Amino acid sequence: MSDTPTTSEPRTTIDLTEFSTESLECFEQYGINAAERLNQYSMSLEDALVEAVNKNKDLNQQNGRLRKEIKDLEDKLKAYENPS
């Protein structure tokens, strides 16, 4: 029988020589689930970025409405101060 698992047999051991020195250092520093943790972190960052972009869009729209309201009030004030 071969040591290479078939597609239906999950691997039960890991040959550390299959990993680069950098990967091994990463495992040592952050644990064997480093890739999973990094993925979760990147997904959290992406969610936060999407939220920030949406908040920025909302604030820009509100800014535009307020600028228009200020302009309209300034125009009304000018018309009141200088009746034709």
PDB file of N, CA and C in Angstrom:
ATOM      1  N   MET A   1       0.829  -1.178   0.000  1.00  0.00           N
ATOM      2  CA  MET A   1       0.000   0.000   0.000  1.00  0.00           C
ATOM      3  C   MET A   1       0.880   1.251   0.000  1.00  0.00           C
ATOM      4  N   SER A   2       0.488   2.267  -0.726  1.00  0.00           N
ATOM      5  CA  SER A   2       1.268   3.501  -0.890  1.00  0.00           C
ATOM      6  C   SER A   2       1.031   4.441   0.276  1.00  0.00           C
ATOM      7  N   ASP A   3       2.053   5.276   0.596  1.00  0.00           N
ATOM      8  CA  ASP A   3       1.913   6.287   1.639  1.00  0.00           C
ATOM      9  C   ASP A   3       1.115   7.489   1.161  1.00  0.00           C
ATOM     10  N   THR A   4       0.943   7.619  -0.149  1.00  0.00           N
ATOM     11  CA  THR A   4       0.201   8.734  -0.715  1.00  0.00           C
ATOM     12  C   THR A   4      -1.285   8.471  -0.571  1.00  0.00           C
ATOM     13  N   PRO A   5      -2.028   9.372   0.101  1.00  0.00           N
ATOM     14  CA  PRO A   5      -3.459   9.145   0.293  1.00  0.00           C
ATOM     15  C   PRO A   5      -4.214   9.293  -1.021  1.00  0.00           C
ATOM     16  N   THR A   6      -5.261   8.542  -1.164  1.00  0.00           N
ATOM     17  CA  THR A   6      -6.134   8.697  -2.325  1.00  0.00           C
ATOM     18  C   THR A   6      -7.083   9.839  -2.032  1.00  0.00           C
ATOM     19  N   THR A   7      -7.897  10.206  -3.008  1.00  0.00           N
ATOM     20  CA  THR A   7      -8.806  11.330  -2.814  1.00  0.00           C
ATOM     21  C   THR A   7      -9.854  11.033  -1.764  1.00  0.00           C
ATOM     22  N   SER A   8     -10.149   9.777  -1.495  1.00  0.00           N
ATOM     23  CA  SER A   8     -11.155   9.460  -0.487  1.00  0.00           C
ATOM     24  C   SER A   8     -10.558   9.288   0.904  1.00  0.00           C
ATOM     25  N   GLU A   9      -9.257   9.231   1.007  1.00  0.00           N
ATOM     26  CA  GLU A   9      -8.598   9.056   2.300  1.00  0.00           C
ATOM     27  C   GLU A   9      -7.941  10.364   2.729  1.00  0.00           C
ATOM     28  N   PRO A  10      -8.390  10.948   3.840  1.00  0.00           N
ATOM     29  CA  PRO A  10      -7.747  12.185   4.302  1.00  0.00           C
ATOM     30  C   PRO A  10      -6.365  11.893   4.870  1.00  0.00           C
ATOM     31  N   ARG A  11      -5.507  12.878   4.749  1.00  0.00           N
ATOM     32  CA  ARG A  11      -4.156  12.749   5.311  1.00  0.00           C
ATOM     33  C   ARG A  11      -4.230  12.828   6.823  1.00  0.00           C
ATOM     34  N   THR A  12      -3.457  12.008   7.463  1.00  0.00           N
ATOM     35  CA  THR A  12      -3.427  12.013   8.925  1.00  0.00           C
ATOM     36  C   THR A  12      -2.122  12.583   9.466  1.00  0.00           C
ATOM     37  N   THR A  13      -1.129  12.753   8.596  1.00  0.00           N
ATOM     38  CA  THR A  13       0.151  13.318   9.002  1.00  0.00           C
ATOM     39  C   THR A  13       0.575  14.373   8.001  1.00  0.00           C
ATOM     40  N   ILE A  14       1.445  15.238   8.466  1.00  0.00           N
ATOM     41  CA  ILE A  14       1.973  16.292   7.601  1.00  0.00           C
ATOM     42  C   ILE A  14       3.481  16.151   7.567  1.00  0.00           C
ATOM     43  N   ASP A  15       4.026  16.158   6.375  1.00  0.00           N
ATOM     44  CA  ASP A  15       5.472  16.117   6.209  1.00  0.00           C
ATOM     45  C   ASP A  15       5.974  17.559   6.213  1.00  0.00           C
ATOM     46  N   LEU A  16       6.663  17.949   7.270  1.00  0.00           N
ATOM     47  CA  LEU A  16       7.098  19.336   7.421  1.00  0.00           C
ATOM     48  C   LEU A  16       8.080  19.772   6.345  1.00  0.00           C
ATOM     49  N   THR A  17       8.702  18.835   5.651  1.00  0.00           N
ATOM     50  CA  THR A  17       9.625  19.214   4.574  1.00  0.00           C
ATOM     51  C   THR A  17       8.877  19.765   3.370  1.00  0.00           C
ATOM     52  N   GLU A  18       7.554  19.620   3.355  1.00  0.00           N
ATOM     53  CA  GLU A  18       6.738  20.159   2.260  1.00  0.00           C
ATOM     54  C   GLU A  18       6.532  21.666   2.397  1.00  0.00           C
ATOM     55  N   PHE A  19       6.899  22.231   3.542  1.00  0.00           N
ATOM     56  CA  PHE A  19       6.668  23.648   3.804  1.00  0.00           C
ATOM     57  C   PHE A  19       7.971  24.430   3.744  1.00  0.00           C
ATOM     58  N   SER A  20       7.858  25.670   3.323  1.00  0.00           N
ATOM     59  CA  SER A  20       9.025  26.553   3.299  1.00  0.00           C
ATOM     60  C   SER A  20       9.395  26.953   4.722  1.00  0.00           C
ATOM     61  N   THR A  21      10.589  27.460   4.858  1.00  0.00           N
ATOM     62  CA  THR A  21      11.040  27.951   6.160  1.00  0.00           C
ATOM     63  C   THR A  21      10.121  29.067   6.654  1.00  0.00           C
ATOM     64  N   GLU A  22       9.702  29.927   5.744  1.00  0.00           N
ATOM     65  CA  GLU A  22       8.820  31.039   6.102  1.00  0.00           C
ATOM     66  C   GLU A  22       7.478  30.530   6.617  1.00  0.00           C
ATOM     67  N   SER A  23       6.938  29.501   5.951  1.00  0.00           N
ATOM     68  CA  SER A  23       5.670  28.926   6.403  1.00  0.00           C
ATOM     69  C   SER A  23       5.814  28.317   7.787  1.00  0.00           C
ATOM     70  N   LEU A  24       6.901  27.615   8.006  1.00  0.00           N
ATOM     71  CA  LEU A  24       7.128  27.009   9.316  1.00  0.00           C
ATOM     72  C   LEU A  24       7.256  28.071  10.397  1.00  0.00           C
ATOM     73  N   GLU A  25       7.935  29.163  10.097  1.00  0.00           N
ATOM     74  CA  GLU A  25       8.059  30.266  11.054  1.00  0.00           C
ATOM     75  C   GLU A  25       6.693  30.872  11.347  1.00  0.00           C
ATOM     76  N   CYS A  26       5.873  30.986  10.315  1.00  0.00           N
ATOM     77  CA  CYS A  26       4.514  31.513  10.477  1.00  0.00           C
ATOM     78  C   CYS A  26       3.698  30.587  11.379  1.00  0.00           C
ATOM     79  N   PHE A  27       3.788  29.282  11.145  1.00  0.00           N
ATOM     80  CA  PHE A  27       3.076  28.315  11.991  1.00  0.00           C
ATOM     81  C   PHE A  27       3.533  28.432  13.437  1.00  0.00           C
ATOM     82  N   GLU A  28       4.858  28.578  13.620  1.00  0.00           N
ATOM     83  CA  GLU A  28       5.402  28.672  14.973  1.00  0.00           C
ATOM     84  C   GLU A  28       4.917  29.941  15.672  1.00  0.00           C
ATOM     85  N   GLN A  29       4.881  31.035  14.931  1.00  0.00           N
ATOM     86  CA  GLN A  29       4.488  32.324  15.506  1.00  0.00           C
ATOM     87  C   GLN A  29       2.980  32.419  15.739  1.00  0.00           C
ATOM     88  N   TYR A  30       2.182  31.989  14.754  1.00  0.00           N
ATOM     89  CA  TYR A  30       0.735  32.232  14.783  1.00  0.00           C
ATOM     90  C   TYR A  30      -0.104  30.967  14.935  1.00  0.00           C
ATOM     91  N   GLY A  31       0.521  29.819  14.947  1.00  0.00           N
ATOM     92  CA  GLY A  31      -0.230  28.572  15.106  1.00  0.00           C
ATOM     93  C   GLY A  31      -0.532  27.924  13.773  1.00  0.00           C
ATOM     94  N   ILE A  32      -0.933  26.669  13.854  1.00  0.00           N
ATOM     95  CA  ILE A  32      -1.181  25.884  12.637  1.00  0.00           C
ATOM     96  C   ILE A  32      -2.377  26.419  11.849  1.00  0.00           C
ATOM     97  N   ASN A  33      -3.267  27.150  12.524  1.00  0.00           N
ATOM     98  CA  ASN A  33      -4.442  27.709  11.856  1.00  0.00           C
ATOM     99  C   ASN A  33      -4.193  29.133  11.371  1.00  0.00           C
ATOM    100  N   ALA A  34      -2.957  29.476  11.111  1.00  0.00           N
ATOM    101  CA  ALA A  34      -2.605  30.843  10.699  1.00  0.00           C
ATOM    102  C   ALA A  34      -3.367  31.263   9.445  1.00  0.00           C
ATOM    103  N   ALA A  35      -3.469  30.395   8.475  1.00  0.00           N
ATOM    104  CA  ALA A  35      -4.157  30.761   7.231  1.00  0.00           C
ATOM    105  C   ALA A  35      -5.632  31.046   7.486  1.00  0.00           C
ATOM    106  N   GLU A  36      -6.258  30.224   8.310  1.00  0.00           N
ATOM    107  CA  GLU A  36      -7.672  30.435   8.640  1.00  0.00           C
ATOM    108  C   GLU A  36      -7.858  31.751   9.396  1.00  0.00           C
ATOM    109  N   ARG A  37      -6.979  32.006  10.358  1.00  0.00           N
ATOM    110  CA  ARG A  37      -7.062  33.241  11.130  1.00  0.00           C
ATOM    111  C   ARG A  37      -6.829  34.460  10.253  1.00  0.00           C
ATOM    112  N   LEU A  38      -5.866  34.355   9.353  1.00  0.00           N
ATOM    113  CA  LEU A  38      -5.585  35.458   8.438  1.00  0.00           C
ATOM    114  C   LEU A  38      -6.772  35.710   7.512  1.00  0.00           C
ATOM    115  N   ASN A  39      -7.392  34.643   7.050  1.00  0.00           N
ATOM    116  CA  ASN A  39      -8.566  34.786   6.186  1.00  0.00           C
ATOM    117  C   ASN A  39      -9.713  35.461   6.939  1.00  0.00           C
ATOM    118  N   GLN A  40      -9.951  35.044   8.173  1.00  0.00           N
ATOM    119  CA  GLN A  40     -11.002  35.672   8.977  1.00  0.00           C
ATOM    120  C   GLN A  40     -10.703  37.152   9.202  1.00  0.00           C
ATOM    121  N   TYR A  41      -9.447  37.447   9.475  1.00  0.00           N
ATOM    122  CA  TYR A  41      -9.035  38.836   9.683  1.00  0.00           C
ATOM    123  C   TYR A  41      -9.239  39.661   8.417  1.00  0.00           C
ATOM    124  N   SER A  42      -8.847  39.107   7.271  1.00  0.00           N
ATOM    125  CA  SER A  42      -8.995  39.860   6.020  1.00  0.00           C
ATOM    126  C   SER A  42     -10.469  40.060   5.681  1.00  0.00           C
ATOM    127  N   MET A  43     -11.305  39.079   6.006  1.00  0.00           N
ATOM    128  CA  MET A  43     -12.744  39.241   5.766  1.00  0.00           C
ATOM    129  C   MET A  43     -13.324  40.317   6.681  1.00  0.00           C
ATOM    130  N   SER A  44     -12.848  40.381   7.919  1.00  0.00           N
ATOM    131  CA  SER A  44     -13.290  41.435   8.835  1.00  0.00           C
ATOM    132  C   SER A  44     -12.859  42.806   8.336  1.00  0.00           C
ATOM    133  N   LEU A  45     -11.631  42.890   7.841  1.00  0.00           N
ATOM    134  CA  LEU A  45     -11.148  44.160   7.281  1.00  0.00           C
ATOM    135  C   LEU A  45     -11.980  44.578   6.077  1.00  0.00           C
ATOM    136  N   GLU A  46     -12.295  43.614   5.217  1.00  0.00           N
ATOM    137  CA  GLU A  46     -13.104  43.916   4.036  1.00  0.00           C
ATOM    138  C   GLU A  46     -14.487  44.417   4.451  1.00  0.00           C
ATOM    139  N   ASP A  47     -15.098  43.769   5.438  1.00  0.00           N
ATOM    140  CA  ASP A  47     -16.405  44.215   5.927  1.00  0.00           C
ATOM    141  C   ASP A  47     -16.328  45.634   6.485  1.00  0.00           C
ATOM    142  N   ALA A  48     -15.273  45.921   7.243  1.00  0.00           N
ATOM    143  CA  ALA A  48     -15.098  47.257   7.810  1.00  0.00           C
ATOM    144  C   ALA A  48     -14.888  48.297   6.712  1.00  0.00           C
ATOM    145  N   LEU A  49     -14.144  47.917   5.676  1.00  0.00           N
ATOM    146  CA  LEU A  49     -13.910  48.835   4.562  1.00  0.00           C
ATOM    147  C   LEU A  49     -15.208  49.128   3.812  1.00  0.00           C
ATOM    148  N   VAL A  50     -16.002  48.108   3.550  1.00  0.00           N
ATOM    149  CA  VAL A  50     -17.290  48.299   2.871  1.00  0.00           C
ATOM    150  C   VAL A  50     -18.184  49.213   3.708  1.00  0.00           C
ATOM    151  N   GLU A  51     -18.203  48.973   5.015  1.00  0.00           N
ATOM    152  CA  GLU A  51     -18.998  49.812   5.909  1.00  0.00           C
ATOM    153  C   GLU A  51     -18.523  51.260   5.871  1.00  0.00           C
ATOM    154  N   ALA A  52     -17.210  51.466   5.880  1.00  0.00           N
ATOM    155  CA  ALA A  52     -16.657  52.824   5.845  1.00  0.00           C
ATOM    156  C   ALA A  52     -16.979  53.516   4.523  1.00  0.00           C
ATOM    157  N   VAL A  53     -16.889  52.793   3.422  1.00  0.00           N
ATOM    158  CA  VAL A  53     -17.208  53.368   2.109  1.00  0.00           C
ATOM    159  C   VAL A  53     -18.677  53.770   2.052  1.00  0.00           C
ATOM    160  N   ASN A  54     -19.549  52.898   2.551  1.00  0.00           N
ATOM    161  CA  ASN A  54     -20.979  53.220   2.551  1.00  0.00           C
ATOM    162  C   ASN A  54     -21.275  54.421   3.438  1.00  0.00           C
ATOM    163  N   LYS A  55     -20.622  54.496   4.591  1.00  0.00           N
ATOM    164  CA  LYS A  55     -20.799  55.645   5.485  1.00  0.00           C
ATOM    165  C   LYS A  55     -20.310  56.927   4.805  1.00  0.00           C
ATOM    166  N   ASN A  56     -19.179  56.829   4.085  1.00  0.00           N
ATOM    167  CA  ASN A  56     -18.644  57.978   3.366  1.00  0.00           C
ATOM    168  C   ASN A  56     -19.623  58.448   2.287  1.00  0.00           C
ATOM    169  N   LYS A  57     -20.218  57.506   1.568  1.00  0.00           N
ATOM    170  CA  LYS A  57     -21.209  57.866   0.545  1.00  0.00           C
ATOM    171  C   LYS A  57     -22.393  58.586   1.177  1.00  0.00           C
ATOM    172  N   ASP A  58     -22.884  58.045   2.303  1.00  0.00           N
ATOM    173  CA  ASP A  58     -24.014  58.668   2.991  1.00  0.00           C
ATOM    174  C   ASP A  58     -23.668  60.081   3.452  1.00  0.00           C
ATOM    175  N   LEU A  59     -22.466  60.238   4.020  1.00  0.00           N
ATOM    176  CA  LEU A  59     -22.043  61.561   4.486  1.00  0.00           C
ATOM    177  C   LEU A  59     -21.876  62.534   3.325  1.00  0.00           C
ATOM    178  N   ASN A  60     -21.368  62.066   2.193  1.00  0.00           N
ATOM    179  CA  ASN A  60     -21.234  62.935   1.015  1.00  0.00           C
ATOM    180  C   ASN A  60     -22.595  63.390   0.517  1.00  0.00           C
ATOM    181  N   GLN A  61     -23.577  62.475   0.516  1.00  0.00           N
ATOM    182  CA  GLN A  61     -24.926  62.852   0.093  1.00  0.00           C
ATOM    183  C   GLN A  61     -25.533  63.868   1.054  1.00  0.00           C
ATOM    184  N   GLN A  62     -25.351  63.634   2.349  1.00  0.00           N
ATOM    185  CA  GLN A  62     -25.857  64.566   3.350  1.00  0.00           C
ATOM    186  C   GLN A  62     -25.175  65.927   3.200  1.00  0.00           C
ATOM    187  N   ASN A  63     -23.884  65.929   2.946  1.00  0.00           N
ATOM    188  CA  ASN A  63     -23.134  67.160   2.734  1.00  0.00           C
ATOM    189  C   ASN A  63     -23.707  67.918   1.535  1.00  0.00           C
ATOM    190  N   GLY A  64     -23.975  67.208   0.460  1.00  0.00           N
ATOM    191  CA  GLY A  64     -24.553  67.852  -0.722  1.00  0.00           C
ATOM    192  C   GLY A  64     -25.908  68.479  -0.431  1.00  0.00           C
ATOM    193  N   ARG A  65     -26.754  67.746   0.314  1.00  0.00           N
ATOM    194  CA  ARG A  65     -28.077  68.289   0.669  1.00  0.00           C
ATOM    195  C   ARG A  65     -27.939  69.535   1.544  1.00  0.00           C
ATOM    196  N   LEU A  66     -27.027  69.485   2.508  1.00  0.00           N
ATOM    197  CA  LEU A  66     -26.840  70.633   3.400  1.00  0.00           C
ATOM    198  C   LEU A  66     -26.264  71.831   2.659  1.00  0.00           C
ATOM    199  N   ARG A  67     -25.344  71.596   1.738  1.00  0.00           N
ATOM    200  CA  ARG A  67     -24.788  72.709   0.943  1.00  0.00           C
ATOM    201  C   ARG A  67     -25.883  73.369   0.101  1.00  0.00           C
ATOM    202  N   LYS A  68     -26.764  72.539  -0.467  1.00  0.00           N
ATOM    203  CA  LYS A  68     -27.871  73.076  -1.264  1.00  0.00           C
ATOM    204  C   LYS A  68     -28.810  73.882  -0.370  1.00  0.00           C
ATOM    205  N   GLU A  69     -29.086  73.362   0.832  1.00  0.00           N
ATOM    206  CA  GLU A  69     -29.953  74.067   1.763  1.00  0.00           C
ATOM    207  C   GLU A  69     -29.344  75.410   2.169  1.00  0.00           C
ATOM    208  N   ILE A  70     -28.042  75.442   2.407  1.00  0.00           N
ATOM    209  CA  ILE A  70     -27.356  76.696   2.746  1.00  0.00           C
ATOM    210  C   ILE A  70     -27.458  77.681   1.592  1.00  0.00           C
ATOM    211  N   LYS A  71     -27.214  77.191   0.377  1.00  0.00           N
ATOM    212  CA  LYS A  71     -27.296  78.069  -0.801  1.00  0.00           C
ATOM    213  C   LYS A  71     -28.700  78.627  -0.958  1.00  0.00           C
ATOM    214  N   ASP A  72     -29.707  77.774  -0.785  1.00  0.00           N
ATOM    215  CA  ASP A  72     -31.092  78.237  -0.891  1.00  0.00           C
ATOM    216  C   ASP A  72     -31.403  79.297   0.172  1.00  0.00           C
ATOM    217  N   LEU A  73     -30.908  79.076   1.398  1.00  0.00           N
ATOM    218  CA  LEU A  73     -31.142  80.063   2.461  1.00  0.00           C
ATOM    219  C   LEU A  73     -30.403  81.377   2.177  1.00  0.00           C
ATOM    220  N   GLU A  74     -29.196  81.282   1.642  1.00  0.00           N
ATOM    221  CA  GLU A  74     -28.455  82.493   1.275  1.00  0.00           C
ATOM    222  C   GLU A  74     -29.194  83.256   0.180  1.00  0.00           C
ATOM    223  N   ASP A  75     -29.733  82.548  -0.789  1.00  0.00           N
ATOM    224  CA  ASP A  75     -30.497  83.198  -1.861  1.00  0.00           C
ATOM    225  C   ASP A  75     -31.745  83.880  -1.305  1.00  0.00           C
ATOM    226  N   LYS A  76     -32.427  83.219  -0.372  1.00  0.00           N
ATOM    227  CA  LYS A  76     -33.616  83.817   0.240  1.00  0.00           C
ATOM    228  C   LYS A  76     -33.240  85.062   1.039  1.00  0.00           C
ATOM    229  N   LEU A  77     -32.111  84.995   1.745  1.00  0.00           N
ATOM    230  CA  LEU A  77     -31.639  86.137   2.520  1.00  0.00           C
ATOM    231  C   LEU A  77     -31.317  87.305   1.599  1.00  0.00           C
ATOM    232  N   LYS A  78     -30.652  87.042   0.483  1.00  0.00           N
ATOM    233  CA  LYS A  78     -30.321  88.102  -0.479  1.00  0.00           C
ATOM    234  C   LYS A  78     -31.607  88.722  -1.030  1.00  0.00           C
ATOM    235  N   ALA A  79     -32.577  87.856  -1.342  1.00  0.00           N
ATOM    236  CA  ALA A  79     -33.845  88.382  -1.880  1.00  0.00           C
ATOM    237  C   ALA A  79     -34.575  89.213  -0.840  1.00  0.00           C
ATOM    238  N   TYR A  80     -34.464  88.827   0.414  1.00  0.00           N
ATOM    239  CA  TYR A  80     -35.117  89.580   1.493  1.00  0.00           C
ATOM    240  C   TYR A  80     -34.419  90.917   1.710  1.00  0.00           C
ATOM    241  N   GLU A  81     -33.081  90.907   1.654  1.00  0.00           N
ATOM    242  CA  GLU A  81     -32.315  92.132   1.890  1.00  0.00           C
ATOM    243  C   GLU A  81     -32.402  93.105   0.708  1.00  0.00           C
ATOM    244  N   ASN A  82     -32.563  92.561  -0.494  1.00  0.00           N
ATOM    245  CA  ASN A  82     -32.599  93.388  -1.705  1.00  0.00           C
ATOM    246  C   ASN A  82     -33.896  93.099  -2.482  1.00  0.00           C
ATOM    247  N   PRO A  83     -35.020  93.580  -1.973  1.00  0.00           N
ATOM    248  CA  PRO A  83     -36.254  93.316  -2.727  1.00  0.00           C
ATOM    249  C   PRO A  83     -36.253  94.087  -4.044  1.00  0.00           C
ATOM    250  N   SER A  84     -36.749  93.484  -5.063  1.00  0.00           N
ATOM    251  CA  SER A  84     -36.741  94.132  -6.393  1.00  0.00           C
ATOM    252  C   SER A  84     -37.946  94.990  -6.589  1.00  0.00           C
TER     253      SER A  84
END
